[in-house]
C-alpha atoms as a PDB file:
ATOM      1  CA  MET A   1    -152.135  -4.863 163.575  1.00  0.00           C
ATOM      2  CA  PRO A   2    -150.329  -1.818 162.107  1.00  0.00           C
ATOM      3  CA  ARG A   3    -150.246  -1.651 158.330  1.00  0.00           C
ATOM      4  CA  PRO A   4    -146.730  -1.937 156.857  1.00  0.00           C
ATOM      5  CA  ARG A   5    -145.169   1.241 155.582  1.00  0.00           C
ATOM      6  CA  TRP A   6    -145.024   0.063 151.967  1.00  0.00           C
ATOM      7  CA  PHE A   7    -148.789  -0.471 152.034  1.00  0.00           C
ATOM      8  CA  LEU A   8    -149.380   3.012 153.458  1.00  0.00           C
ATOM      9  CA  GLN A   9    -147.199   4.505 150.736  1.00  0.00           C
ATOM     10  CA  ALA A  10    -149.102   2.677 147.991  1.00  0.00           C
ATOM     11  CA  GLU A  11    -152.431   3.748 149.510  1.00  0.00           C
ATOM     12  CA  ALA A  12    -151.287   7.360 149.835  1.00  0.00           C
ATOM     13  CA  ASN A  13    -150.035   7.497 146.240  1.00  0.00           C
ATOM     14  CA  PHE A  14    -153.368   6.211 144.963  1.00  0.00           C
ATOM     15  CA  PHE A  15    -155.354   8.855 146.827  1.00  0.00           C
ATOM     16  CA  ARG A  16    -152.858  11.576 145.954  1.00  0.00           C
ATOM     17  CA  ALA A  17    -153.571  10.968 142.291  1.00  0.00           C
ATOM     18  CA  LEU A  18    -157.328  11.209 142.916  1.00  0.00           C
ATOM     19  CA  MET A  19    -156.973  14.341 145.038  1.00  0.00           C
ATOM     20  CA  ASN A  20    -154.755  16.010 142.449  1.00  0.00           C
ATOM     21  CA  THR A  21    -157.516  15.479 139.883  1.00  0.00           C
ATOM     22  CA  GLY A  22    -160.140  16.916 142.217  1.00  0.00           C
ATOM     23  CA  MET A  23    -158.036  19.958 143.084  1.00  0.00           C
ATOM     24  CA  CYS A  24    -157.333  20.549 139.409  1.00  0.00           C
ATOM     25  CA  LEU A  25    -161.081  20.741 138.810  1.00  0.00           C
ATOM     26  CA  HIS A  26    -161.414  23.026 141.825  1.00  0.00           C
ATOM     27  CA  ARG A  27    -158.823  25.416 140.389  1.00  0.00           C
ATOM     28  CA  LEU A  28    -160.498  25.368 136.976  1.00  0.00           C
ATOM     29  CA  SER A  29    -163.933  26.248 138.347  1.00  0.00           C
ATOM     30  CA  PRO A  30    -164.929  29.854 137.619  1.00  0.00           C
ATOM     31  CA  PRO A  31    -163.743  32.334 138.595  1.00  0.00           C
ATOM     32  CA  ILE A  32    -160.354  30.856 137.724  1.00  0.00           C
ATOM     33  CA  PRO A  33    -157.691  32.044 140.202  1.00  0.00           C
ATOM     34  CA  PRO A  34    -154.287  33.310 139.056  1.00  0.00           C
ATOM     35  CA  GLU A  35    -151.265  31.049 138.803  1.00  0.00           C
ATOM     36  CA  HIS A  36    -148.321  31.420 141.175  1.00  0.00           C
ATOM     37  CA  ASP A  37    -145.698  33.924 140.048  1.00  0.00           C
ATOM     38  CA  PHE A  38    -142.544  31.934 140.757  1.00  0.00           C
ATOM     39  CA  THR A  39    -141.216  28.982 142.740  1.00  0.00           C
ATOM     40  CA  LYS A  40    -138.134  28.136 144.762  1.00  0.00           C
ATOM     41  CA  ASN A  41    -136.761  24.881 146.108  1.00  0.00           C
ATOM     42  CA  ILE A  42    -134.858  25.188 149.366  1.00  0.00           C
ATOM     43  CA  PRO A  43    -132.730  22.580 151.165  1.00  0.00           C
ATOM     44  CA  THR A  44    -133.773  21.302 154.572  1.00  0.00           C
ATOM     45  CA  THR A  45    -131.628  22.047 157.599  1.00  0.00           C
ATOM     46  CA  VAL A  46    -133.790  21.377 160.662  1.00  0.00           C
ATOM     47  CA  SER A  47    -134.967  17.838 159.918  1.00  0.00           C
ATOM     48  CA  PRO A  48    -132.417  15.027 160.221  1.00  0.00           C
ATOM     49  CA  THR A  49    -133.952  13.618 157.013  1.00  0.00           C
ATOM     50  CA  LYS A  50    -132.420  15.711 154.264  1.00  0.00           C
ATOM     51  CA  GLY A  51    -134.360  16.820 151.206  1.00  0.00           C
ATOM     52  CA  GLU A  52    -135.937  19.853 149.546  1.00  0.00           C
ATOM     53  CA  ILE A  53    -139.033  21.946 150.172  1.00  0.00           C
ATOM     54  CA  GLY A  54    -140.960  23.603 147.351  1.00  0.00           C
ATOM     55  CA  LEU A  55    -142.168  27.185 147.774  1.00  0.00           C
ATOM     56  CA  TYR A  56    -144.857  28.752 145.578  1.00  0.00           C
ATOM     57  CA  PHE A  57    -144.958  32.550 145.576  1.00  0.00           C
ATOM     58  CA  TYR A  58    -148.080  34.615 144.843  1.00  0.00           C
ATOM     59  CA  THR A  59    -147.302  38.323 144.658  1.00  0.00           C
ATOM     60  CA  PRO A  60    -149.084  41.703 144.316  1.00  0.00           C
ATOM     61  CA  PRO A  61    -149.096  43.429 140.902  1.00  0.00           C
ATOM     62  CA  SER A  62    -146.434  45.903 142.085  1.00  0.00           C
ATOM     63  CA  TYR A  63    -143.959  43.085 142.842  1.00  0.00           C
ATOM     64  CA  PRO A  64    -141.046  43.237 142.429  1.00  0.00           C
ATOM     65  CA  PRO A  65    -140.625  46.951 143.081  1.00  0.00           C
ATOM     66  CA  PRO A  66    -138.364  48.984 140.796  1.00  0.00           C
ATOM     67  CA  PRO A  67    -134.662  48.940 141.741  1.00  0.00           C
ATOM     68  CA  ASP A  68    -134.847  52.527 142.940  1.00  0.00           C
ATOM     69  CA  LEU A  69    -137.765  51.778 145.264  1.00  0.00           C
ATOM     70  CA  SER A  70    -136.874  49.822 148.377  1.00  0.00           C
ATOM     71  CA  ARG A  71    -140.392  48.630 149.059  1.00  0.00           C
ATOM     72  CA  ILE A  72    -140.992  45.613 151.279  1.00  0.00           C
ATOM     73  CA  TYR A  73    -144.195  43.608 151.637  1.00  0.00           C
ATOM     74  CA  PRO A  74    -145.803  41.649 154.434  1.00  0.00           C
ATOM     75  CA  ALA A  75    -145.931  37.905 153.808  1.00  0.00           C
ATOM     76  CA  VAL A  76    -148.311  35.081 154.658  1.00  0.00           C
ATOM     77  CA  VAL A  77    -146.807  31.594 154.818  1.00  0.00           C
ATOM     78  CA  ASN A  78    -149.499  29.031 154.029  1.00  0.00           C
ATOM     79  CA  PHE A  79    -149.685  25.291 154.766  1.00  0.00           C
ATOM     80  CA  HIS A  80    -152.117  23.143 152.784  1.00  0.00           C
ATOM     81  CA  GLY A  81    -154.353  20.404 154.176  1.00  0.00           C
ATOM     82  CA  GLY A  82    -154.591  16.695 153.454  1.00  0.00           C
ATOM     83  CA  GLY A  83    -153.975  14.940 156.754  1.00  0.00           C
ATOM     84  CA  PHE A  84    -150.197  15.474 156.391  1.00  0.00           C
ATOM     85  CA  THR A  85    -150.434  12.740 153.725  1.00  0.00           C
ATOM     86  CA  LEU A  86    -152.140  14.266 150.681  1.00  0.00           C
ATOM     87  CA  GLY A  87    -152.261  17.664 149.024  1.00  0.00           C
ATOM     88  CA  HIS A  88    -150.038  20.217 147.342  1.00  0.00           C
ATOM     89  CA  ALA A  89    -149.001  23.830 147.823  1.00  0.00           C
ATOM     90  CA  THR A  90    -151.290  24.984 145.002  1.00  0.00           C
ATOM     91  CA  ASP A  91    -154.450  23.595 146.648  1.00  0.00           C
ATOM     92  CA  ASP A  92    -155.112  26.893 148.420  1.00  0.00           C
ATOM     93  CA  VAL A  93    -154.678  29.103 145.363  1.00  0.00           C
ATOM     94  CA  ARG A  94    -158.042  30.828 145.923  1.00  0.00           C
ATOM     95  CA  TRP A  95    -157.004  31.735 149.447  1.00  0.00           C
ATOM     96  CA  ALA A  96    -153.644  32.960 148.121  1.00  0.00           C
ATOM     97  CA  ALA A  97    -155.383  35.133 145.540  1.00  0.00           C
ATOM     98  CA  SER A  98    -157.564  36.651 148.249  1.00  0.00           C
ATOM     99  CA  VAL A  99    -154.574  37.398 150.483  1.00  0.00           C
ATOM    100  CA  VAL A 100    -152.704  39.070 147.634  1.00  0.00           C
ATOM    101  CA  SER A 101    -155.732  41.123 146.637  1.00  0.00           C
ATOM    102  CA  HIS A 102    -157.220  42.096 150.001  1.00  0.00           C
ATOM    103  CA  ALA A 103    -154.276  41.941 152.419  1.00  0.00           C
ATOM    104  CA  GLU A 104    -151.743  43.322 149.916  1.00  0.00           C
ATOM    105  CA  ALA A 105    -149.251  40.675 150.957  1.00  0.00           C
ATOM    106  CA  ILE A 106    -146.993  38.086 149.364  1.00  0.00           C
ATOM    107  CA  VAL A 107    -148.150  34.495 149.864  1.00  0.00           C
ATOM    108  CA  VAL A 108    -145.578  31.744 150.232  1.00  0.00           C
ATOM    109  CA  SER A 109    -147.377  28.416 149.910  1.00  0.00           C
ATOM    110  CA  VAL A 110    -145.337  25.497 151.220  1.00  0.00           C
ATOM    111  CA  ASP A 111    -144.970  22.092 149.596  1.00  0.00           C
ATOM    112  CA  TYR A 112    -143.813  20.387 152.795  1.00  0.00           C
ATOM    113  CA  ARG A 113    -142.844  16.717 152.709  1.00  0.00           C
ATOM    114  CA  LEU A 114    -145.681  14.253 153.292  1.00  0.00           C
ATOM    115  CA  ALA A 115    -146.253  11.107 155.343  1.00  0.00           C
ATOM    116  CA  PRO A 116    -145.895   8.146 155.348  1.00  0.00           C
ATOM    117  CA  GLU A 117    -142.583   8.743 153.600  1.00  0.00           C
ATOM    118  CA  HIS A 118    -141.924  11.587 156.050  1.00  0.00           C
ATOM    119  CA  PRO A 119    -143.951  11.107 159.259  1.00  0.00           C
ATOM    120  CA  PHE A 120    -144.158  13.466 162.241  1.00  0.00           C
ATOM    121  CA  PRO A 121    -142.332  15.727 162.937  1.00  0.00           C
ATOM    122  CA  THR A 122    -140.903  16.242 159.407  1.00  0.00           C
ATOM    123  CA  ALA A 123    -143.734  18.509 158.175  1.00  0.00           C
ATOM    124  CA  ILE A 124    -143.319  20.781 161.204  1.00  0.00           C
ATOM    125  CA  GLU A 125    -139.547  20.906 160.769  1.00  0.00           C
ATOM    126  CA  ASP A 126    -140.001  21.757 157.084  1.00  0.00           C
ATOM    127  CA  GLY A 127    -142.269  24.632 158.086  1.00  0.00           C
ATOM    128  CA  VAL A 128    -139.592  25.945 160.438  1.00  0.00           C
ATOM    129  CA  ASP A 129    -137.036  25.729 157.640  1.00  0.00           C
ATOM    130  CA  VAL A 130    -139.259  27.865 155.424  1.00  0.00           C
ATOM    131  CA  LEU A 131    -139.565  30.601 158.040  1.00  0.00           C
ATOM    132  CA  LEU A 132    -135.804  30.535 158.647  1.00  0.00           C
ATOM    133  CA  TYR A 133    -135.196  30.789 154.895  1.00  0.00           C
ATOM    134  CA  LEU A 134    -137.559  33.755 154.496  1.00  0.00           C
ATOM    135  CA  SER A 135    -135.893  35.520 157.405  1.00  0.00           C
ATOM    136  CA  ALA A 136    -132.416  34.991 155.958  1.00  0.00           C
ATOM    137  CA  HIS A 137    -133.493  36.040 152.429  1.00  0.00           C
ATOM    138  CA  ALA A 138    -136.026  38.714 153.323  1.00  0.00           C
ATOM    139  CA  GLU A 139    -134.138  41.531 151.607  1.00  0.00           C
ATOM    140  CA  GLU A 140    -133.779  39.811 148.234  1.00  0.00           C
ATOM    141  CA  LEU A 141    -137.403  38.650 148.353  1.00  0.00           C
ATOM    142  CA  HIS A 142    -138.653  42.148 149.365  1.00  0.00           C
ATOM    143  CA  ILE A 143    -140.340  40.648 152.443  1.00  0.00           C
ATOM    144  CA  ASP A 144    -140.679  42.531 155.708  1.00  0.00           C
ATOM    145  CA  PRO A 145    -139.526  40.067 158.403  1.00  0.00           C
ATOM    146  CA  LEU A 146    -141.441  42.054 161.018  1.00  0.00           C
ATOM    147  CA  ARG A 147    -144.789  41.564 159.240  1.00  0.00           C
ATOM    148  CA  VAL A 148    -145.256  37.834 158.723  1.00  0.00           C
ATOM    149  CA  GLY A 149    -148.487  35.871 159.058  1.00  0.00           C
ATOM    150  CA  VAL A 150    -149.033  32.123 159.032  1.00  0.00           C
ATOM    151  CA  SER A 151    -152.130  30.406 157.644  1.00  0.00           C
ATOM    152  CA  GLY A 152    -153.305  26.865 157.063  1.00  0.00           C
ATOM    153  CA  PHE A 153    -156.208  24.546 156.367  1.00  0.00           C
ATOM    154  CA  SER A 154    -157.005  21.350 158.316  1.00  0.00           C
ATOM    155  CA  ALA A 155    -153.605  19.683 158.841  1.00  0.00           C
ATOM    156  CA  GLY A 156    -152.131  22.962 157.636  1.00  0.00           C
ATOM    157  CA  GLY A 157    -154.256  24.685 160.263  1.00  0.00           C
ATOM    158  CA  ASN A 158    -152.486  22.533 162.839  1.00  0.00           C
ATOM    159  CA  MET A 159    -149.152  23.640 161.343  1.00  0.00           C
ATOM    160  CA  ALA A 160    -150.162  27.291 161.594  1.00  0.00           C
ATOM    161  CA  PHE A 161    -149.857  26.805 165.374  1.00  0.00           C
ATOM    162  CA  THR A 162    -147.201  24.121 165.705  1.00  0.00           C
ATOM    163  CA  VAL A 163    -144.646  25.544 163.254  1.00  0.00           C
ATOM    164  CA  PRO A 164    -144.342  28.876 165.134  1.00  0.00           C
ATOM    165  CA  LEU A 165    -144.015  27.004 168.432  1.00  0.00           C
ATOM    166  CA  ARG A 166    -141.246  24.824 166.975  1.00  0.00           C
ATOM    167  CA  LEU A 167    -139.607  27.925 165.441  1.00  0.00           C
ATOM    168  CA  TYR A 168    -139.357  29.537 168.858  1.00  0.00           C
ATOM    169  CA  GLU A 169    -137.632  26.398 170.139  1.00  0.00           C
ATOM    170  CA  GLU A 170    -135.140  26.687 167.268  1.00  0.00           C
ATOM    171  CA  TYR A 171    -134.471  30.295 168.256  1.00  0.00           C
ATOM    172  CA  ARG A 172    -133.778  29.173 171.827  1.00  0.00           C
ATOM    173  CA  ARG A 173    -131.369  26.504 170.597  1.00  0.00           C
ATOM    174  CA  LYS A 174    -129.566  28.865 168.202  1.00  0.00           C
ATOM    175  CA  PRO A 175    -129.769  32.469 169.446  1.00  0.00           C
ATOM    176  CA  THR A 176    -127.761  33.843 166.490  1.00  0.00           C
ATOM    177  CA  LEU A 177    -130.348  32.851 163.862  1.00  0.00           C
ATOM    178  CA  PRO A 178    -131.892  35.754 161.889  1.00  0.00           C
ATOM    179  CA  ARG A 179    -135.347  36.413 163.277  1.00  0.00           C
ATOM    180  CA  LEU A 180    -138.758  37.260 161.933  1.00  0.00           C
ATOM    181  CA  ALA A 181    -141.890  38.337 163.735  1.00  0.00           C
ATOM    182  CA  ILE A 182    -145.079  36.354 163.259  1.00  0.00           C
ATOM    183  CA  VAL A 183    -147.808  38.897 163.942  1.00  0.00           C
ATOM    184  CA  ALA A 184    -150.958  36.871 163.144  1.00  0.00           C
ATOM    185  CA  ILE A 185    -152.284  33.372 162.502  1.00  0.00           C
ATOM    186  CA  ALA A 186    -155.212  32.506 160.222  1.00  0.00           C
ATOM    187  CA  THR A 187    -156.383  28.930 160.589  1.00  0.00           C
ATOM    188  CA  TRP A 188    -159.249  27.085 158.920  1.00  0.00           C
ATOM    189  CA  TYR A 189    -160.876  23.973 160.490  1.00  0.00           C
ATOM    190  CA  PRO A 190    -157.620  22.945 162.233  1.00  0.00           C
ATOM    191  CA  SER A 191    -156.807  19.693 163.990  1.00  0.00           C
ATOM    192  CA  THR A 192    -155.520  20.647 167.434  1.00  0.00           C
ATOM    193  CA  ASP A 193    -155.570  17.594 169.716  1.00  0.00           C
ATOM    194  CA  PHE A 194    -154.231  14.179 168.726  1.00  0.00           C
ATOM    195  CA  THR A 195    -154.667  12.906 172.279  1.00  0.00           C
ATOM    196  CA  ALA A 196    -158.364  12.562 171.394  1.00  0.00           C
ATOM    197  CA  THR A 197    -159.106   9.297 169.625  1.00  0.00           C
ATOM    198  CA  ARG A 198    -160.824   9.248 166.265  1.00  0.00           C
ATOM    199  CA  ALA A 199    -163.755   7.471 167.890  1.00  0.00           C
ATOM    200  CA  HIS A 200    -164.142  10.330 170.366  1.00  0.00           C
ATOM    201  CA  ARG A 201    -163.821  12.933 167.649  1.00  0.00           C
ATOM    202  CA  ARG A 202    -166.501  11.243 165.568  1.00  0.00           C
ATOM    203  CA  SER A 203    -168.814  10.981 168.568  1.00  0.00           C
ATOM    204  CA  THR A 204    -168.845  14.788 168.805  1.00  0.00           C
ATOM    205  CA  SER A 205    -169.895  15.347 165.194  1.00  0.00           C
ATOM    206  CA  LEU A 206    -173.359  16.811 164.634  1.00  0.00           C
ATOM    207  CA  ARG A 207    -173.651  15.221 161.187  1.00  0.00           C
ATOM    208  CA  PRO A 208    -171.863  11.857 160.947  1.00  0.00           C
ATOM    209  CA  ASP A 209    -172.914  11.616 157.298  1.00  0.00           C
ATOM    210  CA  LYS A 210    -170.776  14.698 156.577  1.00  0.00           C
ATOM    211  CA  GLU A 211    -167.594  13.387 158.165  1.00  0.00           C
ATOM    212  CA  LEU A 212    -164.468  12.430 156.267  1.00  0.00           C
ATOM    213  CA  PRO A 213    -164.579   8.664 155.516  1.00  0.00           C
ATOM    214  CA  LYS A 214    -162.790   6.458 158.043  1.00  0.00           C
ATOM    215  CA  LEU A 215    -160.673   5.122 155.184  1.00  0.00           C
ATOM    216  CA  PHE A 216    -159.022   8.556 154.916  1.00  0.00           C
ATOM    217  CA  THR A 217    -158.696   9.419 158.584  1.00  0.00           C
ATOM    218  CA  ASN A 218    -157.271   5.982 159.414  1.00  0.00           C
ATOM    219  CA  MET A 219    -154.719   6.397 156.630  1.00  0.00           C
ATOM    220  CA  PHE A 220    -153.832   9.906 157.813  1.00  0.00           C
ATOM    221  CA  ASP A 221    -153.212   8.808 161.393  1.00  0.00           C
ATOM    222  CA  ALA A 222    -151.341   5.620 160.504  1.00  0.00           C
ATOM    223  CA  SER A 223    -149.123   7.546 158.074  1.00  0.00           C
ATOM    224  CA  TYR A 224    -148.319  10.637 160.125  1.00  0.00           C
ATOM    225  CA  LEU A 225    -148.054   8.970 163.541  1.00  0.00           C
ATOM    226  CA  TYR A 226    -145.472   6.425 162.393  1.00  0.00           C
ATOM    227  CA  PRO A 227    -144.128   4.161 163.770  1.00  0.00           C
ATOM    228  CA  PRO A 228    -147.045   3.389 166.092  1.00  0.00           C
ATOM    229  CA  LYS A 229    -146.563   3.950 169.823  1.00  0.00           C
ATOM    230  CA  SER A 230    -143.394   5.977 169.243  1.00  0.00           C
ATOM    231  CA  VAL A 231    -145.095   9.380 168.929  1.00  0.00           C
ATOM    232  CA  GLN A 232    -145.917  11.474 171.988  1.00  0.00           C
ATOM    233  CA  LEU A 233    -149.500  12.486 171.246  1.00  0.00           C
ATOM    234  CA  ASP A 234    -149.351  15.332 173.756  1.00  0.00           C
ATOM    235  CA  SER A 235    -146.344  16.956 172.086  1.00  0.00           C
ATOM    236  CA  PRO A 236    -147.069  20.682 171.580  1.00  0.00           C
ATOM    237  CA  TYR A 237    -145.738  20.285 168.031  1.00  0.00           C
ATOM    238  CA  LEU A 238    -148.500  17.761 167.345  1.00  0.00           C
ATOM    239  CA  SER A 239    -151.327  18.771 169.699  1.00  0.00           C
ATOM    240  CA  PRO A 240    -151.207  22.520 170.342  1.00  0.00           C
ATOM    241  CA  GLY A 241    -154.573  22.264 172.072  1.00  0.00           C
ATOM    242  CA  VAL A 242    -152.935  20.590 175.090  1.00  0.00           C
ATOM    243  CA  ALA A 243    -149.755  22.688 175.097  1.00  0.00           C
ATOM    244  CA  SER A 244    -148.902  24.586 178.253  1.00  0.00           C
ATOM    245  CA  GLU A 245    -150.161  28.117 178.720  1.00  0.00           C
ATOM    246  CA  GLU A 246    -146.553  29.270 179.071  1.00  0.00           C
ATOM    247  CA  LEU A 247    -145.701  27.916 175.621  1.00  0.00           C
ATOM    248  CA  LEU A 248    -148.885  29.211 173.987  1.00  0.00           C
ATOM    249  CA  ARG A 249    -148.109  32.720 175.197  1.00  0.00           C
ATOM    250  CA  GLU A 250    -145.309  32.732 172.605  1.00  0.00           C
ATOM    251  CA  LEU A 251    -147.854  32.673 169.774  1.00  0.00           C
ATOM    252  CA  PRO A 252    -148.701  35.979 168.045  1.00  0.00           C
ATOM    253  CA  PRO A 253    -151.347  38.172 169.690  1.00  0.00           C
ATOM    254  CA  ILE A 254    -153.903  37.985 166.856  1.00  0.00           C
ATOM    255  CA  ILE A 255    -155.485  34.692 165.744  1.00  0.00           C
ATOM    256  CA  TYR A 256    -158.257  34.082 163.214  1.00  0.00           C
ATOM    257  CA  MET A 257    -159.921  30.693 163.627  1.00  0.00           C
ATOM    258  CA  TYR A 258    -162.745  29.509 161.377  1.00  0.00           C
ATOM    259  CA  THR A 259    -164.368  26.118 161.972  1.00  0.00           C
ATOM    260  CA  CYS A 260    -167.143  24.017 160.399  1.00  0.00           C
ATOM    261  CA  GLU A 261    -170.447  23.164 162.086  1.00  0.00           C
ATOM    262  CA  TRP A 262    -170.449  19.575 160.786  1.00  0.00           C
ATOM    263  CA  ASP A 263    -166.799  18.788 161.498  1.00  0.00           C
ATOM    264  CA  GLU A 264    -165.501  16.180 163.932  1.00  0.00           C
ATOM    265  CA  LEU A 265    -162.666  18.619 164.715  1.00  0.00           C
ATOM    266  CA  LEU A 266    -165.083  21.358 165.833  1.00  0.00           C
ATOM    267  CA  GLN A 267    -165.176  20.541 169.548  1.00  0.00           C
ATOM    268  CA  GLU A 268    -161.408  20.438 170.044  1.00  0.00           C
ATOM    269  CA  ALA A 269    -160.941  23.674 168.095  1.00  0.00           C
ATOM    270  CA  GLU A 270    -163.556  25.458 170.204  1.00  0.00           C
ATOM    271  CA  GLY A 271    -161.876  24.202 173.366  1.00  0.00           C
ATOM    272  CA  PHE A 272    -158.546  25.469 172.088  1.00  0.00           C
ATOM    273  CA  ARG A 273    -160.095  28.832 171.339  1.00  0.00           C
ATOM    274  CA  VAL A 274    -161.258  29.151 174.953  1.00  0.00           C
ATOM    275  CA  LYS A 275    -157.763  28.294 176.158  1.00  0.00           C
ATOM    276  CA  LEU A 276    -156.134  30.840 173.848  1.00  0.00           C
ATOM    277  CA  GLU A 277    -158.498  33.581 175.020  1.00  0.00           C
ATOM    278  CA  GLY A 278    -158.089  32.739 178.709  1.00  0.00           C
ATOM    279  CA  GLU A 279    -156.167  34.882 181.170  1.00  0.00           C
ATOM    280  CA  GLY A 280    -153.253  32.434 181.167  1.00  0.00           C
ATOM    281  CA  VAL A 281    -152.592  32.914 177.433  1.00  0.00           C
ATOM    282  CA  GLY A 282    -154.320  36.185 176.553  1.00  0.00           C
ATOM    283  CA  LYS A 283    -154.653  36.008 172.779  1.00  0.00           C
ATOM    284  CA  ARG A 284    -157.239  37.920 170.780  1.00  0.00           C
ATOM    285  CA  VAL A 285    -159.108  35.293 168.779  1.00  0.00           C
ATOM    286  CA  PHE A 286    -161.448  36.278 165.980  1.00  0.00           C
ATOM    287  CA  TYR A 287    -163.596  33.173 165.790  1.00  0.00           C
ATOM    288  CA  LYS A 288    -166.376  32.054 163.494  1.00  0.00           C
ATOM    289  CA  LYS A 289    -168.179  28.724 163.097  1.00  0.00           C
ATOM    290  CA  VAL A 290    -169.337  28.367 159.502  1.00  0.00           C
ATOM    291  CA  GLY A 291    -172.840  26.937 159.674  1.00  0.00           C
ATOM    292  CA  GLY A 292    -174.180  24.049 157.614  1.00  0.00           C
ATOM    293  CA  VAL A 293    -170.861  22.848 156.208  1.00  0.00           C
ATOM    294  CA  GLY A 294    -168.485  19.950 156.685  1.00  0.00           C
ATOM    295  CA  HIS A 295    -164.731  19.718 156.746  1.00  0.00           C
ATOM    296  CA  ALA A 296    -162.920  21.344 153.783  1.00  0.00           C
ATOM    297  CA  TRP A 297    -166.195  22.798 152.478  1.00  0.00           C
ATOM    298  CA  ASP A 298    -164.311  25.569 150.673  1.00  0.00           C
ATOM    299  CA  LYS A 299    -162.500  23.100 148.397  1.00  0.00           C
ATOM    300  CA  THR A 300    -165.600  21.804 146.615  1.00  0.00           C
ATOM    301  CA  VAL A 301    -165.780  21.626 142.824  1.00  0.00           C
ATOM    302  CA  GLY A 302    -168.313  23.891 141.145  1.00  0.00           C
ATOM    303  CA  PRO A 303    -169.190  27.525 140.586  1.00  0.00           C
ATOM    304  CA  GLY A 304    -167.523  30.107 142.791  1.00  0.00           C
ATOM    305  CA  ASP A 305    -168.895  30.002 146.335  1.00  0.00           C
ATOM    306  CA  ALA A 306    -169.884  33.516 147.381  1.00  0.00           C
ATOM    307  CA  ARG A 307    -169.686  32.616 151.055  1.00  0.00           C
ATOM    308  CA  ARG A 308    -166.165  31.247 150.656  1.00  0.00           C
ATOM    309  CA  GLU A 309    -165.014  34.426 148.949  1.00  0.00           C
ATOM    310  CA  ALA A 310    -166.723  36.594 151.563  1.00  0.00           C
ATOM    311  CA  LEU A 311    -165.119  34.744 154.476  1.00  0.00           C
ATOM    312  CA  TYR A 312    -161.708  34.711 152.826  1.00  0.00           C
ATOM    313  CA  ARG A 313    -162.005  38.451 152.309  1.00  0.00           C
ATOM    314  CA  GLU A 314    -163.129  38.981 155.883  1.00  0.00           C
ATOM    315  CA  VAL A 315    -160.003  37.326 157.259  1.00  0.00           C
ATOM    316  CA  CYS A 316    -157.732  38.997 154.699  1.00  0.00           C
ATOM    317  CA  GLU A 317    -159.014  42.436 155.602  1.00  0.00           C
ATOM    318  CA  GLY A 318    -158.232  41.633 159.213  1.00  0.00           C
ATOM    319  CA  LEU A 319    -154.712  40.589 158.232  1.00  0.00           C
ATOM    320  CA  LYS A 320    -154.291  43.817 156.268  1.00  0.00           C
ATOM    321  CA  HIS A 321    -155.236  45.788 159.343  1.00  0.00           C
ATOM    322  CA  VAL A 322    -152.570  43.933 161.354  1.00  0.00           C
ATOM    323  CA  PHE A 323    -149.932  44.367 158.628  1.00  0.00           C
ATOM    324  CA  TYR A 324    -150.576  48.006 157.807  1.00  0.00           C
ATOM    325  CA  LYS A 325    -152.110  49.278 161.066  1.00  0.00           C
ATOM    326  CA  ASP A 326    -154.974  50.877 159.124  1.00  0.00           C
END
């Protein structure tokens, strides 16, 4: 029997408060990352459910350039994790700091609207709105619309694929929209196939004791895929792993995908990687499976994780190469 929406909202609010506390401790663990430089709230236009989307900007030391210097910067648009139900744009501040430092890019971290208040496809539509906004306001923000990357963690890793695909649909619907070029994707332990049941996903895990508790995953699915039986699980804007090769060819040519050895999402991500690299799609995927860790391992509370910083830097240096053609 599906849980009523009011119950899902109460459950989500309770765990949001707990997660906010945990992420606050994560941000306060040494080395303490820098705060965002400024924020903007933008109105929604794509979703039929009207509202606002919060944007958190992390910028290089030279930003903004002097008035007499028309410098523009590449940008990375980031989507946080949390099963589309929990989380906040500041959760990935350490990743943002690494991008700013090592890729010499602006980071725009997105506070997209969450389920169950805003179930699928609202988060994806919010992501499209952000990219449309950055394209339309690129000059005033000193962003180069031809050098844009997209990144994300977990649910945000899903969005790093599905938002660009939905953006391209928006371009087809409205050919006069100002355009930007997404040149790379960086995705961390993404969910890619909702046609697979949770039971199947769990059966593929190498360490069941390291999985996310069923309490969370059940809440995530019930909240995001609401109302039950009304969501097409094979939609490319939900399950990019089963999208057609023709559609996937629209993704940028360079993709960084990092997974976790003890993650129930590992198998589907590896299958998606093979599909992306295949002759029918032809993407260049820089792939790494991080050994001996579970889902969201990089968000743990405690002293700075040298491996996390090294892997962040590895991806950021790759993004810098794409942005600056070094």
